[in-house]
Amino acid sequence: MPVTQRAIERIKERIADGTLKPGDRLPTERELASDLGVSRSSMREAIRALTTLGVLEARHGAGVYVTALRPADLLETFSVLAEVSQGETLIEVLQVRRMLEPAATALAAARADDAQLRRLGEILNRMDADGGSAGADAYADTVSADLTFHQAIVEITGNATLAAINDGLSSRTFNARVWRGHREAGITARLREDHERIYRALRARDPDAARAAATMHVLEVERWLRADLTDDVG
């Protein structure tokens, strides 16, 4: 194992076993390097890598600390996945969403309270059935509402790790591409109907119907993407 990677693993082990806790200040770079038997340059690289991953944070003039280790912080770098994925990798992202979103939506149907359902309804109302054909502002709001709608559903589950993973699998850029493609094909109403079906199942507090509606929605987007990629190749 490379020296820097070994240093990374040793620091992670200390956090995992509770030797270093969230909010704790790390020993100095010199002390830590000596303790772990690595060079200061290797330790510096290890700290830099763990800072990028959201495990550590450097506070100017105060040292390096263990973060709160919140899922959203630890999975922040994961959020680039959906934004930069292309072709088959993007299809794989959708396939993972097809595994997670229906389960999350079913759980949300069982847990949603009236206030959360009202918020979902308000978000849904921002979604233009014509895909924002009325103008750029309407289009941007529709794309944003789509993303927010699904994020709000996952937030209802109360699972912060699931919410962070969902954010990583979601992409405003991809959402815009989906709505633009459906608008050009004149079938944006289909997307709006998918969201309405999900919302009705949530309002009915029917986990089975919510799971089915979410599955069909992601499948629809996946089928569209496959067709779109085929057209690009053709």
C-alpha atoms as a PDB file:
ATOM      1  CA  MET A   1       0.000   0.000   0.000  1.00  0.00           C
ATOM      2  CA  PRO A   2       1.400   3.465  -0.899  1.00  0.00           C
ATOM      3  CA  VAL A   3       2.619   5.418   2.113  1.00  0.00           C
ATOM      4  CA  THR A   4       0.040   8.193   1.725  1.00  0.00           C
ATOM      5  CA  GLN A   5      -2.798   5.687   1.433  1.00  0.00           C
ATOM      6  CA  ARG A   6      -1.537   3.904   4.544  1.00  0.00           C
ATOM      7  CA  ALA A   7      -1.637   7.206   6.430  1.00  0.00           C
ATOM      8  CA  ILE A   8      -5.179   7.830   5.196  1.00  0.00           C
ATOM      9  CA  GLU A   9      -6.300   4.398   6.370  1.00  0.00           C
ATOM     10  CA  ARG A  10      -4.699   4.853   9.803  1.00  0.00           C
ATOM     11  CA  ILE A  11      -6.473   8.170  10.363  1.00  0.00           C
ATOM     12  CA  LYS A  12      -9.771   6.645   9.219  1.00  0.00           C
ATOM     13  CA  GLU A  13      -9.239   3.744  11.625  1.00  0.00           C
ATOM     14  CA  ARG A  14      -8.796   6.170  14.518  1.00  0.00           C
ATOM     15  CA  ILE A  15     -12.025   7.903  13.608  1.00  0.00           C
ATOM     16  CA  ALA A  16     -13.867   4.608  13.181  1.00  0.00           C
ATOM     17  CA  ASP A  17     -12.755   3.248  16.569  1.00  0.00           C
ATOM     18  CA  GLY A  18     -13.565   6.500  18.351  1.00  0.00           C
ATOM     19  CA  THR A  19     -10.006   7.557  19.114  1.00  0.00           C
ATOM     20  CA  LEU A  20     -10.759  10.658  17.059  1.00  0.00           C
ATOM     21  CA  LYS A  21     -14.312  11.908  17.331  1.00  0.00           C
ATOM     22  CA  PRO A  22     -16.310  14.449  15.285  1.00  0.00           C
ATOM     23  CA  GLY A  23     -15.062  17.913  16.200  1.00  0.00           C
ATOM     24  CA  ASP A  24     -11.734  16.693  17.611  1.00  0.00           C
ATOM     25  CA  ARG A  25      -8.544  18.511  16.671  1.00  0.00           C
ATOM     26  CA  LEU A  26      -5.849  16.338  15.111  1.00  0.00           C
ATOM     27  CA  PRO A  27      -2.314  16.319  16.525  1.00  0.00           C
ATOM     28  CA  THR A  28       0.082  18.517  14.588  1.00  0.00           C
ATOM     29  CA  GLU A  29       1.290  17.321  11.220  1.00  0.00           C
ATOM     30  CA  ARG A  30       4.735  16.631  12.718  1.00  0.00           C
ATOM     31  CA  GLU A  31       3.321  14.663  15.667  1.00  0.00           C
ATOM     32  CA  LEU A  32       0.969  12.638  13.510  1.00  0.00           C
ATOM     33  CA  ALA A  33       3.663  11.829  10.958  1.00  0.00           C
ATOM     34  CA  SER A  34       5.988  10.642  13.720  1.00  0.00           C
ATOM     35  CA  ASP A  35       3.246   8.631  15.406  1.00  0.00           C
ATOM     36  CA  LEU A  36       2.273   6.856  12.181  1.00  0.00           C
ATOM     37  CA  GLY A  37       5.806   6.432  10.935  1.00  0.00           C
ATOM     38  CA  VAL A  38       5.432   8.363   7.689  1.00  0.00           C
ATOM     39  CA  SER A  39       7.050  11.467   6.239  1.00  0.00           C
ATOM     40  CA  ARG A  40       5.494  14.888   6.776  1.00  0.00           C
ATOM     41  CA  SER A  41       4.912  15.231   3.046  1.00  0.00           C
ATOM     42  CA  SER A  42       2.965  11.936   2.993  1.00  0.00           C
ATOM     43  CA  MET A  43       0.974  13.043   6.027  1.00  0.00           C
ATOM     44  CA  ARG A  44       0.263  16.369   4.354  1.00  0.00           C
ATOM     45  CA  GLU A  45      -1.093  14.553   1.300  1.00  0.00           C
ATOM     46  CA  ALA A  46      -3.195  12.266   3.476  1.00  0.00           C
ATOM     47  CA  ILE A  47      -4.738  15.211   5.315  1.00  0.00           C
ATOM     48  CA  ARG A  48      -5.389  16.987   2.015  1.00  0.00           C
ATOM     49  CA  ALA A  49      -7.136  13.903   0.612  1.00  0.00           C
ATOM     50  CA  LEU A  50      -9.318  13.429   3.696  1.00  0.00           C
ATOM     51  CA  THR A  51     -10.195  17.127   3.643  1.00  0.00           C
ATOM     52  CA  THR A  52     -11.365  16.797   0.041  1.00  0.00           C
ATOM     53  CA  LEU A  53     -13.504  13.826   1.084  1.00  0.00           C
ATOM     54  CA  GLY A  54     -15.154  15.848   3.854  1.00  0.00           C
ATOM     55  CA  VAL A  55     -13.640  13.800   6.686  1.00  0.00           C
ATOM     56  CA  LEU A  56     -11.309  16.551   7.899  1.00  0.00           C
ATOM     57  CA  GLU A  57     -11.425  20.327   7.752  1.00  0.00           C
ATOM     58  CA  ALA A  58      -8.553  22.785   8.028  1.00  0.00           C
ATOM     59  CA  ARG A  59      -9.318  25.857  10.106  1.00  0.00           C
ATOM     60  CA  HIS A  60      -7.003  28.760   9.370  1.00  0.00           C
ATOM     61  CA  GLY A  61      -4.686  29.309  12.277  1.00  0.00           C
ATOM     62  CA  ALA A  62      -6.430  26.699  14.407  1.00  0.00           C
ATOM     63  CA  GLY A  63      -5.330  23.347  12.975  1.00  0.00           C
ATOM     64  CA  VAL A  64      -7.096  20.398  11.373  1.00  0.00           C
ATOM     65  CA  TYR A  65     -10.299  18.957  12.802  1.00  0.00           C
ATOM     66  CA  VAL A  66     -12.526  15.965  12.252  1.00  0.00           C
ATOM     67  CA  THR A  67     -15.755  17.183  10.635  1.00  0.00           C
ATOM     68  CA  ALA A  68     -19.242  16.421  11.935  1.00  0.00           C
ATOM     69  CA  LEU A  69     -19.138  13.451   9.525  1.00  0.00           C
ATOM     70  CA  ARG A  70     -22.592  14.220   8.177  1.00  0.00           C
ATOM     71  CA  PRO A  71     -23.592  12.053   5.191  1.00  0.00           C
ATOM     72  CA  ALA A  72     -24.084  15.132   2.999  1.00  0.00           C
ATOM     73  CA  ASP A  73     -20.510  16.238   3.704  1.00  0.00           C
ATOM     74  CA  LEU A  74     -18.964  12.806   3.215  1.00  0.00           C
ATOM     75  CA  LEU A  75     -20.858  12.202  -0.020  1.00  0.00           C
ATOM     76  CA  GLU A  76     -20.392  15.705  -1.431  1.00  0.00           C
ATOM     77  CA  THR A  77     -17.787  14.576  -3.965  1.00  0.00           C
ATOM     78  CA  PHE A  78     -20.218  11.846  -5.044  1.00  0.00           C
ATOM     79  CA  SER A  79     -22.563  14.553  -6.322  1.00  0.00           C
ATOM     80  CA  VAL A  80     -20.414  15.036  -9.422  1.00  0.00           C
ATOM     81  CA  LEU A  81     -21.311  11.524 -10.634  1.00  0.00           C
ATOM     82  CA  ALA A  82     -24.616  12.319 -12.308  1.00  0.00           C
ATOM     83  CA  GLU A  83     -23.394  15.694 -13.549  1.00  0.00           C
ATOM     84  CA  VAL A  84     -20.497  14.350 -15.600  1.00  0.00           C
ATOM     85  CA  SER A  85     -21.695  10.843 -16.515  1.00  0.00           C
ATOM     86  CA  GLN A  86     -22.369  10.087 -20.158  1.00  0.00           C
ATOM     87  CA  GLY A  87     -23.669   7.240 -22.323  1.00  0.00           C
ATOM     88  CA  GLU A  88     -23.881   3.853 -20.657  1.00  0.00           C
ATOM     89  CA  THR A  89     -22.637   5.222 -17.347  1.00  0.00           C
ATOM     90  CA  LEU A  90     -25.570   7.618 -17.237  1.00  0.00           C
ATOM     91  CA  ILE A  91     -27.913   4.697 -17.910  1.00  0.00           C
ATOM     92  CA  GLU A  92     -26.293   2.862 -14.995  1.00  0.00           C
ATOM     93  CA  VAL A  93     -26.954   5.902 -12.799  1.00  0.00           C
ATOM     94  CA  LEU A  94     -30.629   5.699 -13.742  1.00  0.00           C
ATOM     95  CA  GLN A  95     -30.659   1.983 -13.002  1.00  0.00           C
ATOM     96  CA  VAL A  96     -29.370   2.685  -9.493  1.00  0.00           C
ATOM     97  CA  ARG A  97     -32.044   5.348  -9.110  1.00  0.00           C
ATOM     98  CA  ARG A  98     -34.598   2.720 -10.170  1.00  0.00           C
ATOM     99  CA  MET A  99     -33.442   0.571  -7.238  1.00  0.00           C
ATOM    100  CA  LEU A 100     -33.518   3.358  -4.650  1.00  0.00           C
ATOM    101  CA  GLU A 101     -36.233   5.853  -5.587  1.00  0.00           C
ATOM    102  CA  PRO A 102     -39.201   3.465  -5.518  1.00  0.00           C
ATOM    103  CA  ALA A 103     -38.223   2.210  -2.052  1.00  0.00           C
ATOM    104  CA  ALA A 104     -37.748   5.776  -0.821  1.00  0.00           C
ATOM    105  CA  THR A 105     -41.069   6.866  -2.320  1.00  0.00           C
ATOM    106  CA  ALA A 106     -42.874   3.937  -0.710  1.00  0.00           C
ATOM    107  CA  LEU A 107     -41.360   4.834   2.670  1.00  0.00           C
ATOM    108  CA  ALA A 108     -42.318   8.474   2.167  1.00  0.00           C
ATOM    109  CA  ALA A 109     -45.919   7.423   1.487  1.00  0.00           C
ATOM    110  CA  ALA A 110     -46.015   5.757   4.888  1.00  0.00           C
ATOM    111  CA  ARG A 111     -44.378   8.659   6.739  1.00  0.00           C
ATOM    112  CA  ALA A 112     -45.510  11.887   5.056  1.00  0.00           C
ATOM    113  CA  ASP A 113     -47.450  14.336   7.186  1.00  0.00           C
ATOM    114  CA  ASP A 114     -49.954  16.900   5.901  1.00  0.00           C
ATOM    115  CA  ALA A 115     -47.429  19.750   5.815  1.00  0.00           C
ATOM    116  CA  GLN A 116     -44.980  17.701   3.773  1.00  0.00           C
ATOM    117  CA  LEU A 117     -47.703  16.701   1.330  1.00  0.00           C
ATOM    118  CA  ARG A 118     -48.767  20.330   0.941  1.00  0.00           C
ATOM    119  CA  ARG A 119     -45.180  21.281   0.126  1.00  0.00           C
ATOM    120  CA  LEU A 120     -45.000  18.545  -2.508  1.00  0.00           C
ATOM    121  CA  GLY A 121     -48.220  19.825  -4.025  1.00  0.00           C
ATOM    122  CA  GLU A 122     -46.793  23.343  -4.213  1.00  0.00           C
ATOM    123  CA  ILE A 123     -43.652  22.040  -5.919  1.00  0.00           C
ATOM    124  CA  LEU A 124     -45.734  20.030  -8.365  1.00  0.00           C
ATOM    125  CA  ASN A 125     -47.728  23.139  -9.267  1.00  0.00           C
ATOM    126  CA  ARG A 126     -44.509  24.789 -10.444  1.00  0.00           C
ATOM    127  CA  MET A 127     -44.025  22.032 -13.005  1.00  0.00           C
ATOM    128  CA  ASP A 128     -45.288  23.224 -16.393  1.00  0.00           C
ATOM    129  CA  ALA A 129     -47.040  20.437 -18.340  1.00  0.00           C
ATOM    130  CA  ASP A 130     -45.682  22.058 -21.529  1.00  0.00           C
ATOM    131  CA  GLY A 131     -42.112  21.771 -20.269  1.00  0.00           C
ATOM    132  CA  GLY A 132     -41.723  25.499 -19.856  1.00  0.00           C
ATOM    133  CA  SER A 133     -42.634  26.295 -23.469  1.00  0.00           C
ATOM    134  CA  ALA A 134     -43.917  29.676 -22.314  1.00  0.00           C
ATOM    135  CA  GLY A 135     -40.382  30.945 -21.894  1.00  0.00           C
ATOM    136  CA  ALA A 136     -36.943  30.479 -20.407  1.00  0.00           C
ATOM    137  CA  ASP A 137     -38.060  31.322 -16.870  1.00  0.00           C
ATOM    138  CA  ALA A 138     -40.892  28.789 -16.956  1.00  0.00           C
ATOM    139  CA  TYR A 139     -38.541  26.160 -18.339  1.00  0.00           C
ATOM    140  CA  ALA A 140     -35.921  26.788 -15.619  1.00  0.00           C
ATOM    141  CA  ASP A 141     -38.581  26.642 -12.915  1.00  0.00           C
ATOM    142  CA  THR A 142     -39.945  23.361 -14.283  1.00  0.00           C
ATOM    143  CA  VAL A 143     -36.490  21.773 -14.292  1.00  0.00           C
ATOM    144  CA  SER A 144     -35.839  23.043 -10.760  1.00  0.00           C
ATOM    145  CA  ALA A 145     -39.247  21.852  -9.526  1.00  0.00           C
ATOM    146  CA  ASP A 146     -38.627  18.366 -10.907  1.00  0.00           C
ATOM    147  CA  LEU A 147     -35.360  18.052  -8.997  1.00  0.00           C
ATOM    148  CA  THR A 148     -36.812  19.567  -5.820  1.00  0.00           C
ATOM    149  CA  PHE A 149     -39.876  17.298  -5.975  1.00  0.00           C
ATOM    150  CA  HIS A 150     -37.783  14.121  -5.828  1.00  0.00           C
ATOM    151  CA  GLN A 151     -35.419  15.547  -3.214  1.00  0.00           C
ATOM    152  CA  ALA A 152     -38.370  16.480  -1.002  1.00  0.00           C
ATOM    153  CA  ILE A 153     -39.771  12.958  -1.242  1.00  0.00           C
ATOM    154  CA  VAL A 154     -36.499  11.403  -0.102  1.00  0.00           C
ATOM    155  CA  GLU A 155     -36.188  13.949   2.724  1.00  0.00           C
ATOM    156  CA  ILE A 156     -39.539  12.692   4.056  1.00  0.00           C
ATOM    157  CA  THR A 157     -37.944   9.303   4.753  1.00  0.00           C
ATOM    158  CA  GLY A 158     -35.818  10.947   7.428  1.00  0.00           C
ATOM    159  CA  ASN A 159     -32.727   9.070   6.225  1.00  0.00           C
ATOM    160  CA  ALA A 160     -29.905  11.581   5.761  1.00  0.00           C
ATOM    161  CA  THR A 161     -27.610   9.050   4.085  1.00  0.00           C
ATOM    162  CA  LEU A 162     -30.266   8.126   1.542  1.00  0.00           C
ATOM    163  CA  ALA A 163     -30.911  11.812   0.878  1.00  0.00           C
ATOM    164  CA  ALA A 164     -27.192  12.427   0.259  1.00  0.00           C
ATOM    165  CA  ILE A 165     -26.955   9.466  -2.114  1.00  0.00           C
ATOM    166  CA  ASN A 166     -30.067  10.622  -3.939  1.00  0.00           C
ATOM    167  CA  ASP A 167     -28.535  14.066  -4.404  1.00  0.00           C
ATOM    168  CA  GLY A 168     -25.447  12.423  -5.880  1.00  0.00           C
ATOM    169  CA  LEU A 169     -27.564  10.501  -8.363  1.00  0.00           C
ATOM    170  CA  SER A 170     -29.535  13.600  -9.356  1.00  0.00           C
ATOM    171  CA  SER A 171     -28.452  16.204 -11.858  1.00  0.00           C
ATOM    172  CA  ARG A 172     -29.991  19.521 -12.799  1.00  0.00           C
ATOM    173  CA  THR A 173     -28.140  19.302 -16.114  1.00  0.00           C
ATOM    174  CA  PHE A 174     -29.639  15.890 -16.869  1.00  0.00           C
ATOM    175  CA  ASN A 175     -33.112  17.005 -15.750  1.00  0.00           C
ATOM    176  CA  ALA A 176     -32.870  19.909 -18.171  1.00  0.00           C
ATOM    177  CA  ARG A 177     -31.859  17.519 -20.940  1.00  0.00           C
ATOM    178  CA  VAL A 178     -34.833  15.246 -20.218  1.00  0.00           C
ATOM    179  CA  TRP A 179     -37.378  18.078 -20.228  1.00  0.00           C
ATOM    180  CA  ARG A 180     -35.832  19.642 -23.329  1.00  0.00           C
ATOM    181  CA  GLY A 181     -35.934  16.329 -25.172  1.00  0.00           C
ATOM    182  CA  HIS A 182     -39.531  15.646 -24.171  1.00  0.00           C
ATOM    183  CA  ARG A 183     -40.528  19.197 -25.108  1.00  0.00           C
ATOM    184  CA  GLU A 184     -38.979  18.857 -28.560  1.00  0.00           C
ATOM    185  CA  ALA A 185     -40.884  15.588 -28.993  1.00  0.00           C
ATOM    186  CA  GLY A 186     -44.120  17.171 -27.732  1.00  0.00           C
ATOM    187  CA  ILE A 187     -44.510  14.680 -24.877  1.00  0.00           C
ATOM    188  CA  THR A 188     -43.769  16.737 -21.755  1.00  0.00           C
ATOM    189  CA  ALA A 189     -47.288  16.011 -20.496  1.00  0.00           C
ATOM    190  CA  ARG A 190     -46.128  12.451 -19.935  1.00  0.00           C
ATOM    191  CA  LEU A 191     -43.506  13.610 -17.448  1.00  0.00           C
ATOM    192  CA  ARG A 192     -46.018  15.816 -15.653  1.00  0.00           C
ATOM    193  CA  GLU A 193     -48.447  12.876 -15.433  1.00  0.00           C
ATOM    194  CA  ASP A 194     -45.706  10.705 -13.915  1.00  0.00           C
ATOM    195  CA  HIS A 195     -45.193  13.228 -11.130  1.00  0.00           C
ATOM    196  CA  GLU A 196     -48.924  13.610 -10.562  1.00  0.00           C
ATOM    197  CA  ARG A 197     -49.254   9.824 -10.250  1.00  0.00           C
ATOM    198  CA  ILE A 198     -46.504   9.734  -7.648  1.00  0.00           C
ATOM    199  CA  TYR A 199     -48.098  12.619  -5.756  1.00  0.00           C
ATOM    200  CA  ARG A 200     -51.540  10.958  -5.747  1.00  0.00           C
ATOM    201  CA  ALA A 201     -50.048   7.781  -4.297  1.00  0.00           C
ATOM    202  CA  LEU A 202     -48.294   9.784  -1.593  1.00  0.00           C
ATOM    203  CA  ARG A 203     -51.467  11.670  -0.724  1.00  0.00           C
ATOM    204  CA  ALA A 204     -53.317   8.360  -0.507  1.00  0.00           C
ATOM    205  CA  ARG A 205     -50.510   7.138   1.761  1.00  0.00           C
ATOM    206  CA  ASP A 206     -50.308   4.018  -0.391  1.00  0.00           C
ATOM    207  CA  PRO A 207     -46.719   2.654  -0.329  1.00  0.00           C
ATOM    208  CA  ASP A 208     -47.367   0.039  -3.031  1.00  0.00           C
ATOM    209  CA  ALA A 209     -48.847   2.552  -5.452  1.00  0.00           C
ATOM    210  CA  ALA A 210     -46.056   5.021  -4.660  1.00  0.00           C
ATOM    211  CA  ARG A 211     -43.407   2.386  -5.342  1.00  0.00           C
ATOM    212  CA  ALA A 212     -45.039   1.444  -8.655  1.00  0.00           C
ATOM    213  CA  ALA A 213     -45.454   5.061  -9.766  1.00  0.00           C
ATOM    214  CA  ALA A 214     -41.821   5.912  -8.976  1.00  0.00           C
ATOM    215  CA  THR A 215     -40.611   2.786 -10.779  1.00  0.00           C
ATOM    216  CA  MET A 216     -42.568   3.625 -13.910  1.00  0.00           C
ATOM    217  CA  HIS A 217     -41.280   7.189 -13.881  1.00  0.00           C
ATOM    218  CA  VAL A 218     -37.603   6.228 -13.729  1.00  0.00           C
ATOM    219  CA  LEU A 219     -38.201   3.538 -16.353  1.00  0.00           C
ATOM    220  CA  GLU A 220     -39.767   6.125 -18.653  1.00  0.00           C
ATOM    221  CA  VAL A 221     -36.739   8.384 -18.305  1.00  0.00           C
ATOM    222  CA  GLU A 222     -34.379   5.438 -18.800  1.00  0.00           C
ATOM    223  CA  ARG A 223     -36.196   4.373 -21.992  1.00  0.00           C
ATOM    224  CA  TRP A 224     -36.096   7.925 -23.283  1.00  0.00           C
ATOM    225  CA  LEU A 225     -32.367   8.172 -22.593  1.00  0.00           C
ATOM    226  CA  ARG A 226     -31.642   4.905 -24.422  1.00  0.00           C
ATOM    227  CA  ALA A 227     -33.584   6.161 -27.430  1.00  0.00           C
ATOM    228  CA  ASP A 228     -31.848   9.536 -27.276  1.00  0.00           C
ATOM    229  CA  LEU A 229     -28.420   7.917 -27.156  1.00  0.00           C
ATOM    230  CA  THR A 230     -29.333   5.720 -30.117  1.00  0.00           C
ATOM    231  CA  ASP A 231     -30.385   8.799 -32.088  1.00  0.00           C
ATOM    232  CA  ASP A 232     -27.081  10.481 -31.223  1.00  0.00           C
ATOM    233  CA  VAL A 233     -25.128   7.492 -32.525  1.00  0.00           C
ATOM    234  CA  GLY A 234     -27.284   7.311 -35.618  1.00  0.00           C
END
